[in-house]
Amino acid sequence: MNKLLVLVQNESIIKKVKEVEKATFLFPLEGYSVGYPVTYKLSDIEEFGAYILVNRLLDENSILSLKEEFKNFPKNIKGIVFEDLGVIELVKDLDITKILWQNHLNDSYLTVNGFLKYVDSMMVSTDITLDEIKLILSKADKPLVLPIFGYTPVMYSRRHLVSNFNLNYNENVTNPNIIKEEVLKDEFKIYENEYGTQLFSNKLYNGKKLRDYDALYYFVNTVFVSDEDVISFLKDEELSVSYDDGFLNKKTIYKLKDGDK
């Protein structure tokens, strides 16, 4: 089985990755994805024998429209990666691999095993340390998916945050753009489409050390990443942009000192 799962934002990356390593590919589904400039129709994805990504939070109308689209589900599609729990009901009878990706809600093996009763696998959170990931992997009832590279999703809103900002401040922020929050001065990539707004880290996440641990897939998120940097990562070569290992060696919970507010 190919262990590498690569999100596609241009079809040129498919051939380039295959020249380096066997891989399975993940395509954001048109009309049901947020944060990805390039999306694909179900019929386009079928020819690649790949996975589809549905990361929108869905209301009643969009659930019903997705149900209609899945009535003639292509036989050549291998699986689905999704965020909204309503999708579980839509795909429960399909003979495909079902992977739940709720990045900020799957950082405990108790939570993971609770969801694994209904899906085949889960994407492990990028908010936790290597030791916490190792614990989850050791306790999980099924093989999991490990994110190992890319700009990581930080926040998703169904609001049109870029458009609202432009309207209220008479600005002309475009997609994609860099924003800076004023407390810690951290920067984030922001991308909006008609279904909402997604914020990503502004520094590439490089978690190549996670390939030392067994997983269903190792996930490479190529959004806003050049083909050259994707291939350099796979070849373990130096990248053209700055990167870090996220929270693998940095806890996200801090105890305030006496007197701190």
C-alpha atoms as a PDB file:
ATOM      1  CA  MET A   1       0.000   0.000   0.000  1.00  0.00           C
ATOM      2  CA  ASN A   2       1.204   3.497  -0.802  1.00  0.00           C
ATOM      3  CA  LYS A   3       1.765   5.251   2.513  1.00  0.00           C
ATOM      4  CA  LEU A   4       2.060   8.807   1.183  1.00  0.00           C
ATOM      5  CA  LEU A   5      -1.154  10.866   0.862  1.00  0.00           C
ATOM      6  CA  VAL A   6      -0.586  14.070  -1.146  1.00  0.00           C
ATOM      7  CA  LEU A   7      -3.132  16.861  -1.494  1.00  0.00           C
ATOM      8  CA  VAL A   8      -3.335  18.124  -5.082  1.00  0.00           C
ATOM      9  CA  GLN A   9      -3.451  21.804  -6.033  1.00  0.00           C
ATOM     10  CA  ASN A  10      -2.079  21.344  -9.538  1.00  0.00           C
ATOM     11  CA  GLU A  11      -1.851  18.185 -11.562  1.00  0.00           C
ATOM     12  CA  SER A  12       1.835  18.719 -12.335  1.00  0.00           C
ATOM     13  CA  ILE A  13       2.669  17.591  -8.797  1.00  0.00           C
ATOM     14  CA  ILE A  14       1.250  14.117  -9.472  1.00  0.00           C
ATOM     15  CA  LYS A  15       3.885  13.126 -12.015  1.00  0.00           C
ATOM     16  CA  LYS A  16       6.682  14.767 -10.029  1.00  0.00           C
ATOM     17  CA  VAL A  17       5.784  12.938  -6.820  1.00  0.00           C
ATOM     18  CA  LYS A  18       5.451   9.600  -8.627  1.00  0.00           C
ATOM     19  CA  GLU A  19       8.989   9.998  -9.932  1.00  0.00           C
ATOM     20  CA  VAL A  20      10.228  10.124  -6.338  1.00  0.00           C
ATOM     21  CA  GLU A  21       7.873   7.898  -4.388  1.00  0.00           C
ATOM     22  CA  LYS A  22       4.656   5.924  -4.719  1.00  0.00           C
ATOM     23  CA  ALA A  23       1.719   7.937  -3.443  1.00  0.00           C
ATOM     24  CA  THR A  24      -2.037   8.245  -3.141  1.00  0.00           C
ATOM     25  CA  PHE A  25      -3.569  11.627  -3.980  1.00  0.00           C
ATOM     26  CA  LEU A  26      -6.230  13.733  -2.278  1.00  0.00           C
ATOM     27  CA  PHE A  27      -8.377  16.214  -4.243  1.00  0.00           C
ATOM     28  CA  PRO A  28     -10.521  18.970  -2.655  1.00  0.00           C
ATOM     29  CA  LEU A  29     -14.076  18.454  -3.886  1.00  0.00           C
ATOM     30  CA  GLU A  30     -15.583  21.395  -5.772  1.00  0.00           C
ATOM     31  CA  GLY A  31     -18.346  23.065  -3.759  1.00  0.00           C
ATOM     32  CA  TYR A  32     -17.435  21.293  -0.525  1.00  0.00           C
ATOM     33  CA  SER A  33     -13.952  22.525   0.344  1.00  0.00           C
ATOM     34  CA  VAL A  34     -12.648  25.654   2.079  1.00  0.00           C
ATOM     35  CA  GLY A  35      -9.101  27.023   2.023  1.00  0.00           C
ATOM     36  CA  TYR A  36      -7.996  25.495  -1.262  1.00  0.00           C
ATOM     37  CA  PRO A  37      -7.794  27.689  -4.379  1.00  0.00           C
ATOM     38  CA  VAL A  38      -8.054  24.699  -6.712  1.00  0.00           C
ATOM     39  CA  THR A  39     -10.913  22.227  -6.374  1.00  0.00           C
ATOM     40  CA  TYR A  40     -12.061  19.338  -8.558  1.00  0.00           C
ATOM     41  CA  LYS A  41     -15.305  17.814  -9.747  1.00  0.00           C
ATOM     42  CA  LEU A  42     -16.109  14.274  -8.638  1.00  0.00           C
ATOM     43  CA  SER A  43     -15.805  13.055 -12.238  1.00  0.00           C
ATOM     44  CA  ASP A  44     -12.325  14.604 -12.527  1.00  0.00           C
ATOM     45  CA  ILE A  45     -11.137  12.886  -9.343  1.00  0.00           C
ATOM     46  CA  GLU A  46     -12.407   9.504 -10.474  1.00  0.00           C
ATOM     47  CA  GLU A  47      -9.866   9.144 -13.259  1.00  0.00           C
ATOM     48  CA  PHE A  48      -7.001   9.363 -10.756  1.00  0.00           C
ATOM     49  CA  GLY A  49      -8.353   6.625  -8.471  1.00  0.00           C
ATOM     50  CA  ALA A  50      -7.797   9.001  -5.563  1.00  0.00           C
ATOM     51  CA  TYR A  51      -9.339  10.344  -2.357  1.00  0.00           C
ATOM     52  CA  ILE A  52     -11.724  13.294  -2.107  1.00  0.00           C
ATOM     53  CA  LEU A  53     -11.555  16.039   0.533  1.00  0.00           C
ATOM     54  CA  VAL A  54     -14.738  17.514   2.023  1.00  0.00           C
ATOM     55  CA  ASN A  55     -13.726  19.990   4.726  1.00  0.00           C
ATOM     56  CA  ARG A  56     -16.726  22.326   4.744  1.00  0.00           C
ATOM     57  CA  LEU A  57     -18.993  22.477   7.779  1.00  0.00           C
ATOM     58  CA  LEU A  58     -22.294  21.555   6.171  1.00  0.00           C
ATOM     59  CA  ASP A  59     -25.820  22.827   6.770  1.00  0.00           C
ATOM     60  CA  GLU A  60     -28.994  20.928   5.891  1.00  0.00           C
ATOM     61  CA  ASN A  61     -29.079  22.111   2.275  1.00  0.00           C
ATOM     62  CA  SER A  62     -25.424  21.287   1.592  1.00  0.00           C
ATOM     63  CA  ILE A  63     -25.771  17.859   3.214  1.00  0.00           C
ATOM     64  CA  LEU A  64     -28.708  17.133   0.936  1.00  0.00           C
ATOM     65  CA  SER A  65     -26.855  18.363  -2.152  1.00  0.00           C
ATOM     66  CA  LEU A  66     -23.805  16.252  -1.264  1.00  0.00           C
ATOM     67  CA  LYS A  67     -26.084  13.257  -0.750  1.00  0.00           C
ATOM     68  CA  GLU A  68     -27.461  13.826  -4.241  1.00  0.00           C
ATOM     69  CA  GLU A  69     -23.947  14.081  -5.698  1.00  0.00           C
ATOM     70  CA  PHE A  70     -22.947  10.817  -4.017  1.00  0.00           C
ATOM     71  CA  LYS A  71     -25.895   8.856  -5.459  1.00  0.00           C
ATOM     72  CA  ASN A  72     -23.732   7.712  -8.369  1.00  0.00           C
ATOM     73  CA  PHE A  73     -20.479   7.528  -6.445  1.00  0.00           C
ATOM     74  CA  PRO A  74     -17.577   6.667  -8.776  1.00  0.00           C
ATOM     75  CA  LYS A  75     -16.253   3.154  -8.241  1.00  0.00           C
ATOM     76  CA  ASN A  76     -12.668   4.212  -8.813  1.00  0.00           C
ATOM     77  CA  ILE A  77     -12.471   6.606  -5.840  1.00  0.00           C
ATOM     78  CA  LYS A  78     -10.557   5.078  -2.942  1.00  0.00           C
ATOM     79  CA  GLY A  79     -11.796   7.118  -0.028  1.00  0.00           C
ATOM     80  CA  ILE A  80     -12.851  10.375   1.566  1.00  0.00           C
ATOM     81  CA  VAL A  81     -11.258  12.748   4.071  1.00  0.00           C
ATOM     82  CA  PHE A  82     -13.860  14.920   5.794  1.00  0.00           C
ATOM     83  CA  GLU A  83     -14.568  17.201   8.767  1.00  0.00           C
ATOM     84  CA  ASP A  84     -18.341  17.396   9.195  1.00  0.00           C
ATOM     85  CA  LEU A  85     -19.711  14.443  11.183  1.00  0.00           C
ATOM     86  CA  GLY A  86     -22.858  14.438   9.038  1.00  0.00           C
ATOM     87  CA  VAL A  87     -20.785  12.943   6.220  1.00  0.00           C
ATOM     88  CA  ILE A  88     -20.498   9.700   8.208  1.00  0.00           C
ATOM     89  CA  GLU A  89     -24.157   8.966   7.531  1.00  0.00           C
ATOM     90  CA  LEU A  90     -23.788   9.757   3.822  1.00  0.00           C
ATOM     91  CA  VAL A  91     -20.862   7.402   3.224  1.00  0.00           C
ATOM     92  CA  LYS A  92     -21.497   4.626   5.751  1.00  0.00           C
ATOM     93  CA  ASP A  93     -22.593   2.144   3.070  1.00  0.00           C
ATOM     94  CA  LEU A  94     -19.884   3.055   0.536  1.00  0.00           C
ATOM     95  CA  ASP A  95     -16.979   0.642   0.142  1.00  0.00           C
ATOM     96  CA  ILE A  96     -14.322   3.316   0.562  1.00  0.00           C
ATOM     97  CA  THR A  97     -11.841   4.338   3.247  1.00  0.00           C
ATOM     98  CA  LYS A  98     -13.332   6.981   5.548  1.00  0.00           C
ATOM     99  CA  ILE A  99     -10.896   9.371   7.287  1.00  0.00           C
ATOM    100  CA  LEU A 100     -12.075  12.008   9.763  1.00  0.00           C
ATOM    101  CA  TRP A 101     -10.007  15.222   9.887  1.00  0.00           C
ATOM    102  CA  GLN A 102     -10.941  17.489  12.800  1.00  0.00           C
ATOM    103  CA  ASN A 103      -7.563  19.032  13.453  1.00  0.00           C
ATOM    104  CA  HIS A 104      -8.247  20.582  16.868  1.00  0.00           C
ATOM    105  CA  LEU A 105     -10.575  17.904  18.267  1.00  0.00           C
ATOM    106  CA  ASN A 106      -8.544  14.702  17.975  1.00  0.00           C
ATOM    107  CA  ASP A 107      -5.680  15.221  20.407  1.00  0.00           C
ATOM    108  CA  SER A 108      -6.568  12.417  22.852  1.00  0.00           C
ATOM    109  CA  TYR A 109      -6.556   8.660  22.276  1.00  0.00           C
ATOM    110  CA  LEU A 110      -9.922   8.483  24.062  1.00  0.00           C
ATOM    111  CA  THR A 111     -11.433  10.904  21.546  1.00  0.00           C
ATOM    112  CA  VAL A 112      -9.721   9.139  18.649  1.00  0.00           C
ATOM    113  CA  ASN A 113     -10.988   5.700  19.653  1.00  0.00           C
ATOM    114  CA  GLY A 114     -14.474   7.095  20.162  1.00  0.00           C
ATOM    115  CA  PHE A 115     -14.573   8.315  16.556  1.00  0.00           C
ATOM    116  CA  LEU A 116     -12.846   5.204  15.196  1.00  0.00           C
ATOM    117  CA  LYS A 117     -16.025   3.261  15.926  1.00  0.00           C
ATOM    118  CA  TYR A 118     -17.548   5.090  12.962  1.00  0.00           C
ATOM    119  CA  VAL A 119     -14.635   5.694  10.571  1.00  0.00           C
ATOM    120  CA  ASP A 120     -11.619   3.797   9.281  1.00  0.00           C
ATOM    121  CA  SER A 121      -9.001   6.300  10.373  1.00  0.00           C
ATOM    122  CA  MET A 122      -8.367   9.818  11.643  1.00  0.00           C
ATOM    123  CA  MET A 123      -5.888  12.566  10.904  1.00  0.00           C
ATOM    124  CA  VAL A 124      -3.785  13.154  14.010  1.00  0.00           C
ATOM    125  CA  SER A 125      -3.826  16.735  15.288  1.00  0.00           C
ATOM    126  CA  THR A 126      -0.922  19.079  14.539  1.00  0.00           C
ATOM    127  CA  ASP A 127      -1.538  20.844  17.880  1.00  0.00           C
ATOM    128  CA  ILE A 128       0.219  18.254  20.033  1.00  0.00           C
ATOM    129  CA  THR A 129       3.731  17.109  20.850  1.00  0.00           C
ATOM    130  CA  LEU A 130       5.610  14.099  19.541  1.00  0.00           C
ATOM    131  CA  ASP A 131       5.205  12.312  22.889  1.00  0.00           C
ATOM    132  CA  GLU A 132       1.447  12.892  22.779  1.00  0.00           C
ATOM    133  CA  ILE A 133       1.300  11.611  19.192  1.00  0.00           C
ATOM    134  CA  LYS A 134       3.259   8.499  20.152  1.00  0.00           C
ATOM    135  CA  LEU A 135       0.816   7.829  22.987  1.00  0.00           C
ATOM    136  CA  ILE A 136      -2.170   8.170  20.638  1.00  0.00           C
ATOM    137  CA  LEU A 137      -0.557   5.852  18.082  1.00  0.00           C
ATOM    138  CA  SER A 138       0.122   3.241  20.754  1.00  0.00           C
ATOM    139  CA  LYS A 139      -3.458   3.329  22.043  1.00  0.00           C
ATOM    140  CA  ALA A 140      -5.419   3.788  18.806  1.00  0.00           C
ATOM    141  CA  ASP A 141      -7.679   0.936  17.733  1.00  0.00           C
ATOM    142  CA  LYS A 142      -6.917   1.489  14.026  1.00  0.00           C
ATOM    143  CA  PRO A 143      -3.995   2.908  11.977  1.00  0.00           C
ATOM    144  CA  LEU A 144      -4.018   6.710  11.807  1.00  0.00           C
ATOM    145  CA  VAL A 145      -2.935   9.404   9.342  1.00  0.00           C
ATOM    146  CA  LEU A 146       0.072  11.561  10.291  1.00  0.00           C
ATOM    147  CA  PRO A 147       0.496  15.065   8.777  1.00  0.00           C
ATOM    148  CA  ILE A 148       4.184  15.419   7.920  1.00  0.00           C
ATOM    149  CA  PHE A 149       4.468  18.518   5.707  1.00  0.00           C
ATOM    150  CA  GLY A 150       2.724  21.707   4.641  1.00  0.00           C
ATOM    151  CA  TYR A 151       1.064  24.839   5.912  1.00  0.00           C
ATOM    152  CA  THR A 152      -1.169  23.612   8.708  1.00  0.00           C
ATOM    153  CA  PRO A 153      -4.829  24.685   9.105  1.00  0.00           C
ATOM    154  CA  VAL A 154      -5.205  26.955  12.133  1.00  0.00           C
ATOM    155  CA  MET A 155      -8.788  28.195  11.966  1.00  0.00           C
ATOM    156  CA  TYR A 156     -11.866  27.839   9.770  1.00  0.00           C
ATOM    157  CA  SER A 157     -14.902  30.129   9.765  1.00  0.00           C
ATOM    158  CA  ARG A 158     -18.011  30.048   7.625  1.00  0.00           C
ATOM    159  CA  ARG A 159     -17.869  33.850   7.652  1.00  0.00           C
ATOM    160  CA  HIS A 160     -16.260  35.802   4.821  1.00  0.00           C
ATOM    161  CA  LEU A 161     -13.547  37.364   6.942  1.00  0.00           C
ATOM    162  CA  VAL A 162     -11.473  38.854   4.111  1.00  0.00           C
ATOM    163  CA  SER A 163     -14.490  40.442   2.404  1.00  0.00           C
ATOM    164  CA  ASN A 164     -15.834  41.785   5.702  1.00  0.00           C
ATOM    165  CA  PHE A 165     -12.448  43.302   6.550  1.00  0.00           C
ATOM    166  CA  ASN A 166     -12.213  44.990   3.153  1.00  0.00           C
ATOM    167  CA  LEU A 167     -15.741  46.331   3.464  1.00  0.00           C
ATOM    168  CA  ASN A 168     -15.289  47.765   6.953  1.00  0.00           C
ATOM    169  CA  TYR A 169     -11.775  49.162   6.541  1.00  0.00           C
ATOM    170  CA  ASN A 170     -11.916  50.145   2.872  1.00  0.00           C
ATOM    171  CA  GLU A 171      -9.009  47.821   2.120  1.00  0.00           C
ATOM    172  CA  ASN A 172      -8.265  45.544  -0.816  1.00  0.00           C
ATOM    173  CA  VAL A 173      -6.847  42.395   0.747  1.00  0.00           C
ATOM    174  CA  THR A 174      -6.715  39.599  -1.819  1.00  0.00           C
ATOM    175  CA  ASN A 175      -6.396  35.806  -1.813  1.00  0.00           C
ATOM    176  CA  PRO A 176      -4.102  34.449  -0.492  1.00  0.00           C
ATOM    177  CA  ASN A 177      -2.775  37.018   1.936  1.00  0.00           C
ATOM    178  CA  ILE A 178      -0.682  37.265   5.083  1.00  0.00           C
ATOM    179  CA  ILE A 179      -2.219  38.697   8.247  1.00  0.00           C
ATOM    180  CA  LYS A 180      -0.558  39.421  11.600  1.00  0.00           C
ATOM    181  CA  GLU A 181      -2.339  39.121  14.923  1.00  0.00           C
ATOM    182  CA  GLU A 182      -1.483  41.855  17.390  1.00  0.00           C
ATOM    183  CA  VAL A 183      -0.840  39.920  20.628  1.00  0.00           C
ATOM    184  CA  LEU A 184       1.999  37.531  19.786  1.00  0.00           C
ATOM    185  CA  LYS A 185       2.665  39.114  16.377  1.00  0.00           C
ATOM    186  CA  ASP A 186       2.265  35.741  14.678  1.00  0.00           C
ATOM    187  CA  GLU A 187       1.537  35.716  10.948  1.00  0.00           C
ATOM    188  CA  PHE A 188      -0.977  33.510   9.152  1.00  0.00           C
ATOM    189  CA  LYS A 189      -1.944  32.797   5.588  1.00  0.00           C
ATOM    190  CA  ILE A 190      -5.614  33.525   4.962  1.00  0.00           C
ATOM    191  CA  TYR A 191      -7.780  32.275   2.097  1.00  0.00           C
ATOM    192  CA  GLU A 192     -11.477  32.881   1.492  1.00  0.00           C
ATOM    193  CA  ASN A 193     -14.005  31.406  -0.910  1.00  0.00           C
ATOM    194  CA  GLU A 194     -17.793  31.557  -1.059  1.00  0.00           C
ATOM    195  CA  TYR A 195     -18.109  28.932   1.701  1.00  0.00           C
ATOM    196  CA  GLY A 196     -15.924  30.613   4.314  1.00  0.00           C
ATOM    197  CA  THR A 197     -12.382  31.489   5.334  1.00  0.00           C
ATOM    198  CA  GLN A 198      -9.412  29.308   6.282  1.00  0.00           C
ATOM    199  CA  LEU A 199      -6.307  30.427   8.165  1.00  0.00           C
ATOM    200  CA  PHE A 200      -3.054  28.510   7.801  1.00  0.00           C
ATOM    201  CA  SER A 201       0.256  28.772   9.589  1.00  0.00           C
ATOM    202  CA  ASN A 202       2.672  31.063   7.760  1.00  0.00           C
ATOM    203  CA  LYS A 203       5.640  28.794   8.344  1.00  0.00           C
ATOM    204  CA  LEU A 204       5.916  25.400   6.691  1.00  0.00           C
ATOM    205  CA  TYR A 205       5.460  22.468   9.011  1.00  0.00           C
ATOM    206  CA  ASN A 206       8.150  19.811   8.571  1.00  0.00           C
ATOM    207  CA  GLY A 207       7.331  16.694  10.547  1.00  0.00           C
ATOM    208  CA  LYS A 208       9.484  14.245   8.611  1.00  0.00           C
ATOM    209  CA  LYS A 209      10.496  12.516  11.861  1.00  0.00           C
ATOM    210  CA  LEU A 210       6.934  11.134  12.056  1.00  0.00           C
ATOM    211  CA  ARG A 211       7.755   8.801   9.172  1.00  0.00           C
ATOM    212  CA  ASP A 212       9.608   6.728  11.766  1.00  0.00           C
ATOM    213  CA  TYR A 213       6.210   5.699  13.184  1.00  0.00           C
ATOM    214  CA  ASP A 214       3.707   3.366  11.567  1.00  0.00           C
ATOM    215  CA  ALA A 215       0.621   4.988  10.038  1.00  0.00           C
ATOM    216  CA  LEU A 216      -2.109   4.385   7.496  1.00  0.00           C
ATOM    217  CA  TYR A 217      -0.816   7.398   5.542  1.00  0.00           C
ATOM    218  CA  TYR A 218       1.690  10.214   5.872  1.00  0.00           C
ATOM    219  CA  PHE A 219      -0.088  13.382   4.749  1.00  0.00           C
ATOM    220  CA  VAL A 220       1.554  16.085   2.614  1.00  0.00           C
ATOM    221  CA  ASN A 221      -0.484  19.293   2.260  1.00  0.00           C
ATOM    222  CA  THR A 222       0.717  21.132  -0.856  1.00  0.00           C
ATOM    223  CA  VAL A 223      -1.527  24.225  -0.655  1.00  0.00           C
ATOM    224  CA  PHE A 224       0.610  27.360  -1.221  1.00  0.00           C
ATOM    225  CA  VAL A 225       3.735  25.179  -1.504  1.00  0.00           C
ATOM    226  CA  SER A 226       5.813  25.095  -4.684  1.00  0.00           C
ATOM    227  CA  ASP A 227       6.289  21.797  -6.495  1.00  0.00           C
ATOM    228  CA  GLU A 228      10.031  22.210  -5.983  1.00  0.00           C
ATOM    229  CA  ASP A 229       9.707  22.393  -2.191  1.00  0.00           C
ATOM    230  CA  VAL A 230       7.376  19.391  -2.111  1.00  0.00           C
ATOM    231  CA  ILE A 231       9.903  17.317  -4.024  1.00  0.00           C
ATOM    232  CA  SER A 232      12.812  18.666  -1.954  1.00  0.00           C
ATOM    233  CA  PHE A 233      10.987  17.566   1.184  1.00  0.00           C
ATOM    234  CA  LEU A 234      10.422  14.069  -0.178  1.00  0.00           C
ATOM    235  CA  LYS A 235      14.092  13.841  -1.166  1.00  0.00           C
ATOM    236  CA  ASP A 236      15.152  15.209   2.243  1.00  0.00           C
ATOM    237  CA  GLU A 237      16.811  18.209   0.591  1.00  0.00           C
ATOM    238  CA  GLU A 238      16.925  21.816   1.809  1.00  0.00           C
ATOM    239  CA  LEU A 239      13.772  23.873   1.230  1.00  0.00           C
ATOM    240  CA  SER A 240      13.613  27.340  -0.334  1.00  0.00           C
ATOM    241  CA  VAL A 241      11.445  28.755   2.503  1.00  0.00           C
ATOM    242  CA  SER A 242      11.653  28.718   6.289  1.00  0.00           C
ATOM    243  CA  TYR A 243      10.064  25.881   8.231  1.00  0.00           C
ATOM    244  CA  ASP A 244       9.797  24.379  11.692  1.00  0.00           C
ATOM    245  CA  ASP A 245       8.428  21.240  13.353  1.00  0.00           C
ATOM    246  CA  GLY A 246       5.305  22.924  14.715  1.00  0.00           C
ATOM    247  CA  PHE A 247       4.355  21.712  18.183  1.00  0.00           C
ATOM    248  CA  LEU A 248       6.220  18.409  18.043  1.00  0.00           C
ATOM    249  CA  ASN A 249       8.684  19.752  20.592  1.00  0.00           C
ATOM    250  CA  LYS A 250       6.609  22.628  22.003  1.00  0.00           C
ATOM    251  CA  LYS A 251       3.605  22.207  24.277  1.00  0.00           C
ATOM    252  CA  THR A 252       0.592  24.410  23.612  1.00  0.00           C
ATOM    253  CA  ILE A 253      -0.498  24.562  27.247  1.00  0.00           C
ATOM    254  CA  TYR A 254       1.392  26.914  29.528  1.00  0.00           C
ATOM    255  CA  LYS A 255       1.096  27.542  33.248  1.00  0.00           C
ATOM    256  CA  LEU A 256       1.065  31.238  34.099  1.00  0.00           C
ATOM    257  CA  LYS A 257       3.543  32.441  36.679  1.00  0.00           C
ATOM    258  CA  ASP A 258       2.323  34.152  39.838  1.00  0.00           C
ATOM    259  CA  GLY A 259       1.364  37.717  38.981  1.00  0.00           C
ATOM    260  CA  ASP A 260       0.766  37.048  35.277  1.00  0.00           C
ATOM    261  CA  LYS A 261      -2.553  38.190  33.877  1.00  0.00           C
END
